[in-house]
Amino acid sequence: MHIEHIALLARLHLSEEEKKLFSDQVGSIIQYIDKLNELDTTDVEPTAHVLPVKNVFREDRLKPSLPQEKVLQNAPEKSDHFFSVPKIIE
C-alpha cells in the first residue's frame, strides 16, 4: 500500500516529509495488527460490539400537539399556516 495512492484517493497533497511520516505511522499500525493476528481467538465469539446492544422500543402513543399559532409564533417567515423557507433546489 503506497501513501501516494491513499493520498490520491483522499485528494490530499502531501509533502515528502508528510509522506515519510504517514508511511511510518501506517507501517506501525500494520505491525500492531499483525501482532493482534498472533492471538488465539478460536474460542472467542465474533462480535460487532463489546457490550450487548438491543433496541428499546416504546409503544407509540397519540398525544396532542402544540397549536399552529404557537408553533409559528417565532418563525422568521411564514406563509398561511406553514413555515416559509428559501428555495434551495431549482
PDB file of N, CA and C in Angstrom:
ATOM      1  N   MET A   1       0.857  -1.162   0.000  1.00  0.00           N
ATOM      2  CA  MET A   1       0.000   0.000   0.000  1.00  0.00           C
ATOM      3  C   MET A   1       0.912   1.236   0.000  1.00  0.00           C
ATOM      4  N   HIS A   2       0.694   2.111  -0.938  1.00  0.00           N
ATOM      5  CA  HIS A   2       1.534   3.299  -1.061  1.00  0.00           C
ATOM      6  C   HIS A   2       0.792   4.515  -0.516  1.00  0.00           C
ATOM      7  N   ILE A   3       1.518   5.315   0.212  1.00  0.00           N
ATOM      8  CA  ILE A   3       0.942   6.534   0.777  1.00  0.00           C
ATOM      9  C   ILE A   3       0.469   7.458  -0.337  1.00  0.00           C
ATOM     10  N   GLU A   4       1.195   7.496  -1.454  1.00  0.00           N
ATOM     11  CA  GLU A   4       0.792   8.356  -2.567  1.00  0.00           C
ATOM     12  C   GLU A   4      -0.595   7.967  -3.086  1.00  0.00           C
ATOM     13  N   HIS A   5      -0.843   6.654  -3.149  1.00  0.00           N
ATOM     14  CA  HIS A   5      -2.140   6.177  -3.645  1.00  0.00           C
ATOM     15  C   HIS A   5      -3.260   6.562  -2.675  1.00  0.00           C
ATOM     16  N   ILE A   6      -3.006   6.386  -1.378  1.00  0.00           N
ATOM     17  CA  ILE A   6      -4.006   6.761  -0.376  1.00  0.00           C
ATOM     18  C   ILE A   6      -4.255   8.264  -0.424  1.00  0.00           C
ATOM     19  N   ALA A   7      -3.186   9.043  -0.549  1.00  0.00           N
ATOM     20  CA  ALA A   7      -3.331  10.498  -0.618  1.00  0.00           C
ATOM     21  C   ALA A   7      -4.130  10.886  -1.856  1.00  0.00           C
ATOM     22  N   LEU A   8      -3.891  10.210  -2.968  1.00  0.00           N
ATOM     23  CA  LEU A   8      -4.636  10.495  -4.201  1.00  0.00           C
ATOM     24  C   LEU A   8      -6.125  10.210  -3.997  1.00  0.00           C
ATOM     25  N   LEU A   9      -6.431   9.067  -3.393  1.00  0.00           N
ATOM     26  CA  LEU A   9      -7.837   8.719  -3.150  1.00  0.00           C
ATOM     27  C   LEU A   9      -8.519   9.717  -2.223  1.00  0.00           C
ATOM     28  N   ALA A  10      -7.766  10.226  -1.243  1.00  0.00           N
ATOM     29  CA  ALA A  10      -8.313  11.184  -0.281  1.00  0.00           C
ATOM     30  C   ALA A  10      -8.195  12.617  -0.776  1.00  0.00           C
ATOM     31  N   ARG A  11      -7.633  12.774  -1.967  1.00  0.00           N
ATOM     32  CA  ARG A  11      -7.414  14.094  -2.574  1.00  0.00           C
ATOM     33  C   ARG A  11      -6.591  15.004  -1.649  1.00  0.00           C
ATOM     34  N   LEU A  12      -5.497  14.416  -1.136  1.00  0.00           N
ATOM     35  CA  LEU A  12      -4.587  15.157  -0.259  1.00  0.00           C
ATOM     36  C   LEU A  12      -3.290  15.431  -1.006  1.00  0.00           C
ATOM     37  N   HIS A  13      -2.720  16.585  -0.800  1.00  0.00           N
ATOM     38  CA  HIS A  13      -1.417  16.925  -1.349  1.00  0.00           C
ATOM     39  C   HIS A  13      -0.433  16.866  -0.194  1.00  0.00           C
ATOM     40  N   LEU A  14       0.478  15.891  -0.236  1.00  0.00           N
ATOM     41  CA  LEU A  14       1.405  15.684   0.859  1.00  0.00           C
ATOM     42  C   LEU A  14       2.820  16.070   0.445  1.00  0.00           C
ATOM     43  N   SER A  15       3.539  16.684   1.379  1.00  0.00           N
ATOM     44  CA  SER A  15       4.954  16.973   1.151  1.00  0.00           C
ATOM     45  C   SER A  15       5.735  15.667   1.325  1.00  0.00           C
ATOM     46  N   GLU A  16       6.998  15.673   0.942  1.00  0.00           N
ATOM     47  CA  GLU A  16       7.829  14.484   1.111  1.00  0.00           C
ATOM     48  C   GLU A  16       7.958  14.120   2.587  1.00  0.00           C
ATOM     49  N   GLU A  17       8.060  15.119   3.459  1.00  0.00           N
ATOM     50  CA  GLU A  17       8.137  14.861   4.904  1.00  0.00           C
ATOM     51  C   GLU A  17       6.866  14.182   5.408  1.00  0.00           C
ATOM     52  N   GLU A  18       5.704  14.670   4.937  1.00  0.00           N
ATOM     53  CA  GLU A  18       4.426  14.085   5.358  1.00  0.00           C
ATOM     54  C   GLU A  18       4.305  12.654   4.843  1.00  0.00           C
ATOM     55  N   LYS A  19       4.744  12.421   3.618  1.00  0.00           N
ATOM     56  CA  LYS A  19       4.692  11.058   3.069  1.00  0.00           C
ATOM     57  C   LYS A  19       5.506  10.109   3.932  1.00  0.00           C
ATOM     58  N   LYS A  20       6.702  10.532   4.338  1.00  0.00           N
ATOM     59  CA  LYS A  20       7.567   9.701   5.178  1.00  0.00           C
ATOM     60  C   LYS A  20       6.908   9.471   6.538  1.00  0.00           C
ATOM     61  N   LEU A  21       6.381  10.546   7.147  1.00  0.00           N
ATOM     62  CA  LEU A  21       5.735  10.444   8.452  1.00  0.00           C
ATOM     63  C   LEU A  21       4.555   9.488   8.404  1.00  0.00           C
ATOM     64  N   PHE A  22       3.663   9.681   7.426  1.00  0.00           N
ATOM     65  CA  PHE A  22       2.466   8.849   7.345  1.00  0.00           C
ATOM     66  C   PHE A  22       2.813   7.418   6.969  1.00  0.00           C
ATOM     67  N   SER A  23       3.829   7.243   6.161  1.00  0.00           N
ATOM     68  CA  SER A  23       4.263   5.901   5.795  1.00  0.00           C
ATOM     69  C   SER A  23       4.737   5.158   7.035  1.00  0.00           C
ATOM     70  N   ASP A  24       5.519   5.831   7.883  1.00  0.00           N
ATOM     71  CA  ASP A  24       5.984   5.224   9.133  1.00  0.00           C
ATOM     72  C   ASP A  24       4.799   4.893  10.046  1.00  0.00           C
ATOM     73  N   GLN A  25       3.841   5.808  10.134  1.00  0.00           N
ATOM     74  CA  GLN A  25       2.683   5.594  11.008  1.00  0.00           C
ATOM     75  C   GLN A  25       1.841   4.418  10.526  1.00  0.00           C
ATOM     76  N   VAL A  26       1.599   4.345   9.225  1.00  0.00           N
ATOM     77  CA  VAL A  26       0.810   3.234   8.683  1.00  0.00           C
ATOM     78  C   VAL A  26       1.562   1.925   8.893  1.00  0.00           C
ATOM     79  N   GLY A  27       2.882   1.962   8.727  1.00  0.00           N
ATOM     80  CA  GLY A  27       3.681   0.766   8.983  1.00  0.00           C
ATOM     81  C   GLY A  27       3.544   0.295  10.415  1.00  0.00           C
ATOM     82  N   SER A  28       3.553   1.221  11.380  1.00  0.00           N
ATOM     83  CA  SER A  28       3.382   0.864  12.796  1.00  0.00           C
ATOM     84  C   SER A  28       2.011   0.258  13.047  1.00  0.00           C
ATOM     85  N   ILE A  29       1.005   0.805  12.422  1.00  0.00           N
ATOM     86  CA  ILE A  29      -0.360   0.280  12.592  1.00  0.00           C
ATOM     87  C   ILE A  29      -0.443  -1.144  12.049  1.00  0.00           C
ATOM     88  N   ILE A  30       0.136  -1.379  10.883  1.00  0.00           N
ATOM     89  CA  ILE A  30       0.100  -2.720  10.280  1.00  0.00           C
ATOM     90  C   ILE A  30       0.870  -3.716  11.146  1.00  0.00           C
ATOM     91  N   GLN A  31       2.002  -3.293  11.719  1.00  0.00           N
ATOM     92  CA  GLN A  31       2.752  -4.175  12.618  1.00  0.00           C
ATOM     93  C   GLN A  31       1.901  -4.536  13.839  1.00  0.00           C
ATOM     94  N   TYR A  32       1.157  -3.575  14.360  1.00  0.00           N
ATOM     95  CA  TYR A  32       0.304  -3.835  15.520  1.00  0.00           C
ATOM     96  C   TYR A  32      -0.800  -4.822  15.154  1.00  0.00           C
ATOM     97  N   ILE A  33      -1.391  -4.653  13.988  1.00  0.00           N
ATOM     98  CA  ILE A  33      -2.441  -5.575  13.535  1.00  0.00           C
ATOM     99  C   ILE A  33      -1.869  -6.976  13.382  1.00  0.00           C
ATOM    100  N   ASP A  34      -0.658  -7.083  12.823  1.00  0.00           N
ATOM    101  CA  ASP A  34      -0.013  -8.391  12.697  1.00  0.00           C
ATOM    102  C   ASP A  34       0.195  -9.029  14.066  1.00  0.00           C
ATOM    103  N   LYS A  35       0.549  -8.219  15.049  1.00  0.00           N
ATOM    104  CA  LYS A  35       0.743  -8.733  16.402  1.00  0.00           C
ATOM    105  C   LYS A  35      -0.587  -9.252  16.955  1.00  0.00           C
ATOM    106  N   LEU A  36      -1.682  -8.540  16.689  1.00  0.00           N
ATOM    107  CA  LEU A  36      -3.001  -8.994  17.145  1.00  0.00           C
ATOM    108  C   LEU A  36      -3.398 -10.303  16.468  1.00  0.00           C
ATOM    109  N   ASN A  37      -2.955 -10.490  15.218  1.00  0.00           N
ATOM    110  CA  ASN A  37      -3.282 -11.724  14.495  1.00  0.00           C
ATOM    111  C   ASN A  37      -2.619 -12.947  15.115  1.00  0.00           C
ATOM    112  N   GLU A  38      -1.621 -12.759  15.967  1.00  0.00           N
ATOM    113  CA  GLU A  38      -0.958 -13.869  16.640  1.00  0.00           C
ATOM    114  C   GLU A  38      -1.797 -14.437  17.776  1.00  0.00           C
ATOM    115  N   LEU A  39      -2.792 -13.701  18.241  1.00  0.00           N
ATOM    116  CA  LEU A  39      -3.627 -14.163  19.352  1.00  0.00           C
ATOM    117  C   LEU A  39      -4.502 -15.338  18.938  1.00  0.00           C
ATOM    118  N   ASP A  40      -4.699 -16.263  19.854  1.00  0.00           N
ATOM    119  CA  ASP A  40      -5.578 -17.403  19.624  1.00  0.00           C
ATOM    120  C   ASP A  40      -7.011 -16.968  19.936  1.00  0.00           C
ATOM    121  N   THR A  41      -7.827 -16.852  18.930  1.00  0.00           N
ATOM    122  CA  THR A  41      -9.213 -16.403  19.107  1.00  0.00           C
ATOM    123  C   THR A  41     -10.214 -17.497  18.731  1.00  0.00           C
ATOM    124  N   THR A  42      -9.776 -18.759  18.758  1.00  0.00           N
ATOM    125  CA  THR A  42     -10.665 -19.849  18.334  1.00  0.00           C
ATOM    126  C   THR A  42     -11.909 -19.962  19.214  1.00  0.00           C
ATOM    127  N   ASP A  43     -11.797 -19.667  20.507  1.00  0.00           N
ATOM    128  CA  ASP A  43     -12.957 -19.789  21.403  1.00  0.00           C
ATOM    129  C   ASP A  43     -13.644 -18.451  21.652  1.00  0.00           C
ATOM    130  N   VAL A  44     -13.303 -17.433  20.885  1.00  0.00           N
ATOM    131  CA  VAL A  44     -13.894 -16.108  21.071  1.00  0.00           C
ATOM    132  C   VAL A  44     -14.985 -15.919  20.027  1.00  0.00           C
ATOM    133  N   GLU A  45     -16.175 -15.635  20.511  1.00  0.00           N
ATOM    134  CA  GLU A  45     -17.301 -15.437  19.606  1.00  0.00           C
ATOM    135  C   GLU A  45     -17.175 -14.088  18.895  1.00  0.00           C
ATOM    136  N   PRO A  46     -17.340 -14.066  17.570  1.00  0.00           N
ATOM    137  CA  PRO A  46     -17.255 -12.780  16.852  1.00  0.00           C
ATOM    138  C   PRO A  46     -18.349 -11.827  17.307  1.00  0.00           C
ATOM    139  N   THR A  47     -17.986 -10.569  17.485  1.00  0.00           N
ATOM    140  CA  THR A  47     -18.954  -9.563  17.910  1.00  0.00           C
ATOM    141  C   THR A  47     -18.726  -8.268  17.137  1.00  0.00           C
ATOM    142  N   ALA A  48     -19.758  -7.466  17.063  1.00  0.00           N
ATOM    143  CA  ALA A  48     -19.635  -6.132  16.486  1.00  0.00           C
ATOM    144  C   ALA A  48     -19.460  -5.100  17.585  1.00  0.00           C
ATOM    145  N   HIS A  49     -19.937  -5.434  18.794  1.00  0.00           N
ATOM    146  CA  HIS A  49     -19.848  -4.528  19.936  1.00  0.00           C
ATOM    147  C   HIS A  49     -19.364  -5.312  21.151  1.00  0.00           C
ATOM    148  N   VAL A  50     -18.662  -4.639  22.018  1.00  0.00           N
ATOM    149  CA  VAL A  50     -18.168  -5.287  23.229  1.00  0.00           C
ATOM    150  C   VAL A  50     -19.328  -5.602  24.166  1.00  0.00           C
ATOM    151  N   LEU A  51     -20.261  -4.674  24.275  1.00  0.00           N
ATOM    152  CA  LEU A  51     -21.418  -4.857  25.149  1.00  0.00           C
ATOM    153  C   LEU A  51     -22.621  -5.286  24.327  1.00  0.00           C
ATOM    154  N   PRO A  52     -23.534  -6.043  24.912  1.00  0.00           N
ATOM    155  CA  PRO A  52     -24.735  -6.417  24.163  1.00  0.00           C
ATOM    156  C   PRO A  52     -25.560  -5.175  23.801  1.00  0.00           C
ATOM    157  N   VAL A  53     -26.019  -5.134  22.577  1.00  0.00           N
ATOM    158  CA  VAL A  53     -26.793  -3.994  22.098  1.00  0.00           C
ATOM    159  C   VAL A  53     -28.175  -4.500  21.695  1.00  0.00           C
ATOM    160  N   LYS A  54     -29.185  -3.820  22.174  1.00  0.00           N
ATOM    161  CA  LYS A  54     -30.542  -4.176  21.741  1.00  0.00           C
ATOM    162  C   LYS A  54     -31.350  -2.889  21.623  1.00  0.00           C
ATOM    163  N   ASN A  55     -32.267  -2.886  20.701  1.00  0.00           N
ATOM    164  CA  ASN A  55     -33.146  -1.733  20.531  1.00  0.00           C
ATOM    165  C   ASN A  55     -34.223  -1.760  21.604  1.00  0.00           C
ATOM    166  N   VAL A  56     -34.481  -0.605  22.153  1.00  0.00           N
ATOM    167  CA  VAL A  56     -35.549  -0.475  23.141  1.00  0.00           C
ATOM    168  C   VAL A  56     -36.666   0.306  22.467  1.00  0.00           C
ATOM    169  N   PHE A  57     -37.725  -0.382  22.190  1.00  0.00           N
ATOM    170  CA  PHE A  57     -38.849   0.254  21.517  1.00  0.00           C
ATOM    171  C   PHE A  57     -39.912   0.635  22.541  1.00  0.00           C
ATOM    172  N   ARG A  58     -40.558   1.719  22.280  1.00  0.00           N
ATOM    173  CA  ARG A  58     -41.677   2.089  23.126  1.00  0.00           C
ATOM    174  C   ARG A  58     -42.932   2.099  22.253  1.00  0.00           C
ATOM    175  N   GLU A  59     -44.020   1.930  22.880  1.00  0.00           N
ATOM    176  CA  GLU A  59     -45.280   1.947  22.156  1.00  0.00           C
ATOM    177  C   GLU A  59     -45.585   3.384  21.730  1.00  0.00           C
ATOM    178  N   ASP A  60     -46.015   3.549  20.504  1.00  0.00           N
ATOM    179  CA  ASP A  60     -46.411   4.881  20.040  1.00  0.00           C
ATOM    180  C   ASP A  60     -47.711   5.276  20.724  1.00  0.00           C
ATOM    181  N   ARG A  61     -47.714   6.487  21.237  1.00  0.00           N
ATOM    182  CA  ARG A  61     -48.918   6.986  21.891  1.00  0.00           C
ATOM    183  C   ARG A  61     -49.298   8.313  21.252  1.00  0.00           C
ATOM    184  N   LEU A  62     -50.553   8.458  20.955  1.00  0.00           N
ATOM    185  CA  LEU A  62     -51.068   9.688  20.386  1.00  0.00           C
ATOM    186  C   LEU A  62     -51.180  10.733  21.482  1.00  0.00           C
ATOM    187  N   LYS A  63     -50.551  11.903  21.260  1.00  0.00           N
ATOM    188  CA  LYS A  63     -50.632  12.986  22.238  1.00  0.00           C
ATOM    189  C   LYS A  63     -51.012  14.263  21.495  1.00  0.00           C
ATOM    190  N   PRO A  64     -51.659  15.165  22.162  1.00  0.00           N
ATOM    191  CA  PRO A  64     -51.990  16.432  21.494  1.00  0.00           C
ATOM    192  C   PRO A  64     -50.717  17.222  21.200  1.00  0.00           C
ATOM    193  N   SER A  65     -50.682  17.883  20.062  1.00  0.00           N
ATOM    194  CA  SER A  65     -49.518  18.687  19.709  1.00  0.00           C
ATOM    195  C   SER A  65     -49.813  20.160  20.000  1.00  0.00           C
ATOM    196  N   LEU A  66     -48.796  20.985  19.820  1.00  0.00           N
ATOM    197  CA  LEU A  66     -48.972  22.415  20.041  1.00  0.00           C
ATOM    198  C   LEU A  66     -49.901  23.007  18.991  1.00  0.00           C
ATOM    199  N   PRO A  67     -50.624  24.052  19.327  1.00  0.00           N
ATOM    200  CA  PRO A  67     -51.455  24.726  18.320  1.00  0.00           C
ATOM    201  C   PRO A  67     -50.563  25.381  17.250  1.00  0.00           C
ATOM    202  N   GLN A  68     -51.050  25.446  16.031  1.00  0.00           N
ATOM    203  CA  GLN A  68     -50.268  26.017  14.930  1.00  0.00           C
ATOM    204  C   GLN A  68     -49.798  27.429  15.237  1.00  0.00           C
ATOM    205  N   GLU A  69     -50.652  28.233  15.845  1.00  0.00           N
ATOM    206  CA  GLU A  69     -50.276  29.617  16.143  1.00  0.00           C
ATOM    207  C   GLU A  69     -49.044  29.668  17.055  1.00  0.00           C
ATOM    208  N   LYS A  70     -49.013  28.794  18.048  1.00  0.00           N
ATOM    209  CA  LYS A  70     -47.895  28.773  18.989  1.00  0.00           C
ATOM    210  C   LYS A  70     -46.612  28.287  18.305  1.00  0.00           C
ATOM    211  N   VAL A  71     -46.742  27.278  17.454  1.00  0.00           N
ATOM    212  CA  VAL A  71     -45.584  26.749  16.740  1.00  0.00           C
ATOM    213  C   VAL A  71     -44.990  27.816  15.826  1.00  0.00           C
ATOM    214  N   LEU A  72     -45.830  28.574  15.159  1.00  0.00           N
ATOM    215  CA  LEU A  72     -45.363  29.545  14.170  1.00  0.00           C
ATOM    216  C   LEU A  72     -45.054  30.925  14.760  1.00  0.00           C
ATOM    217  N   GLN A  73     -45.291  31.129  16.053  1.00  0.00           N
ATOM    218  CA  GLN A  73     -45.151  32.478  16.609  1.00  0.00           C
ATOM    219  C   GLN A  73     -43.722  33.018  16.518  1.00  0.00           C
ATOM    220  N   ASN A  74     -42.707  32.177  16.556  1.00  0.00           N
ATOM    221  CA  ASN A  74     -41.323  32.637  16.466  1.00  0.00           C
ATOM    222  C   ASN A  74     -40.690  32.393  15.098  1.00  0.00           C
ATOM    223  N   ALA A  75     -41.482  31.955  14.137  1.00  0.00           N
ATOM    224  CA  ALA A  75     -40.945  31.697  12.805  1.00  0.00           C
ATOM    225  C   ALA A  75     -40.524  33.011  12.155  1.00  0.00           C
ATOM    226  N   PRO A  76     -39.305  33.068  11.579  1.00  0.00           N
ATOM    227  CA  PRO A  76     -38.870  34.299  10.928  1.00  0.00           C
ATOM    228  C   PRO A  76     -39.789  34.671   9.760  1.00  0.00           C
ATOM    229  N   GLU A  77     -40.246  33.655   9.026  1.00  0.00           N
ATOM    230  CA  GLU A  77     -41.188  33.896   7.923  1.00  0.00           C
ATOM    231  C   GLU A  77     -42.196  32.764   7.898  1.00  0.00           C
ATOM    232  N   LYS A  78     -43.423  33.118   7.596  1.00  0.00           N
ATOM    233  CA  LYS A  78     -44.461  32.100   7.469  1.00  0.00           C
ATOM    234  C   LYS A  78     -45.386  32.469   6.327  1.00  0.00           C
ATOM    235  N   SER A  79     -46.037  31.452   5.789  1.00  0.00           N
ATOM    236  CA  SER A  79     -46.982  31.638   4.696  1.00  0.00           C
ATOM    237  C   SER A  79     -48.217  30.822   5.048  1.00  0.00           C
ATOM    238  N   ASP A  80     -49.334  31.485   5.199  1.00  0.00           N
ATOM    239  CA  ASP A  80     -50.570  30.854   5.678  1.00  0.00           C
ATOM    240  C   ASP A  80     -50.290  30.175   7.016  1.00  0.00           C
ATOM    241  N   HIS A  81     -50.416  28.865   7.059  1.00  0.00           N
ATOM    242  CA  HIS A  81     -50.196  28.132   8.300  1.00  0.00           C
ATOM    243  C   HIS A  81     -48.931  27.276   8.236  1.00  0.00           C
ATOM    244  N   PHE A  82     -47.921  27.726   7.458  1.00  0.00           N
ATOM    245  CA  PHE A  82     -46.720  26.937   7.246  1.00  0.00           C
ATOM    246  C   PHE A  82     -45.478  27.791   7.441  1.00  0.00           C
ATOM    247  N   PHE A  83     -44.330  27.121   7.716  1.00  0.00           N
ATOM    248  CA  PHE A  83     -43.047  27.808   7.727  1.00  0.00           C
ATOM    249  C   PHE A  83     -42.690  28.159   6.299  1.00  0.00           C
ATOM    250  N   SER A  84     -42.117  29.320   6.083  1.00  0.00           N
ATOM    251  CA  SER A  84     -41.646  29.717   4.751  1.00  0.00           C
ATOM    252  C   SER A  84     -40.131  29.718   4.799  1.00  0.00           C
ATOM    253  N   VAL A  85     -39.521  28.946   3.887  1.00  0.00           N
ATOM    254  CA  VAL A  85     -38.059  28.825   3.854  1.00  0.00           C
ATOM    255  C   VAL A  85     -37.565  29.142   2.441  1.00  0.00           C
ATOM    256  N   PRO A  86     -36.309  29.573   2.300  1.00  0.00           N
ATOM    257  CA  PRO A  86     -35.790  29.868   0.982  1.00  0.00           C
ATOM    258  C   PRO A  86     -35.737  28.613   0.109  1.00  0.00           C
ATOM    259  N   LYS A  87     -35.977  28.830  -1.161  1.00  0.00           N
ATOM    260  CA  LYS A  87     -35.903  27.727  -2.123  1.00  0.00           C
ATOM    261  C   LYS A  87     -34.440  27.369  -2.321  1.00  0.00           C
ATOM    262  N   ILE A  88     -34.103  26.062  -2.206  1.00  0.00           N
ATOM    263  CA  ILE A  88     -32.706  25.670  -2.380  1.00  0.00           C
ATOM    264  C   ILE A  88     -32.500  24.773  -3.595  1.00  0.00           C
ATOM    265  N   ILE A  89     -33.563  24.278  -4.184  1.00  0.00           N
ATOM    266  CA  ILE A  89     -33.471  23.407  -5.370  1.00  0.00           C
ATOM    267  C   ILE A  89     -34.234  24.079  -6.489  1.00  0.00           C
ATOM    268  N   GLU A  90     -33.555  24.245  -7.591  1.00  0.00           N
ATOM    269  CA  GLU A  90     -34.203  24.870  -8.754  1.00  0.00           C
ATOM    270  C   GLU A  90     -35.032  23.868  -9.526  1.00  0.00           C
TER     271      GLU A  90
END
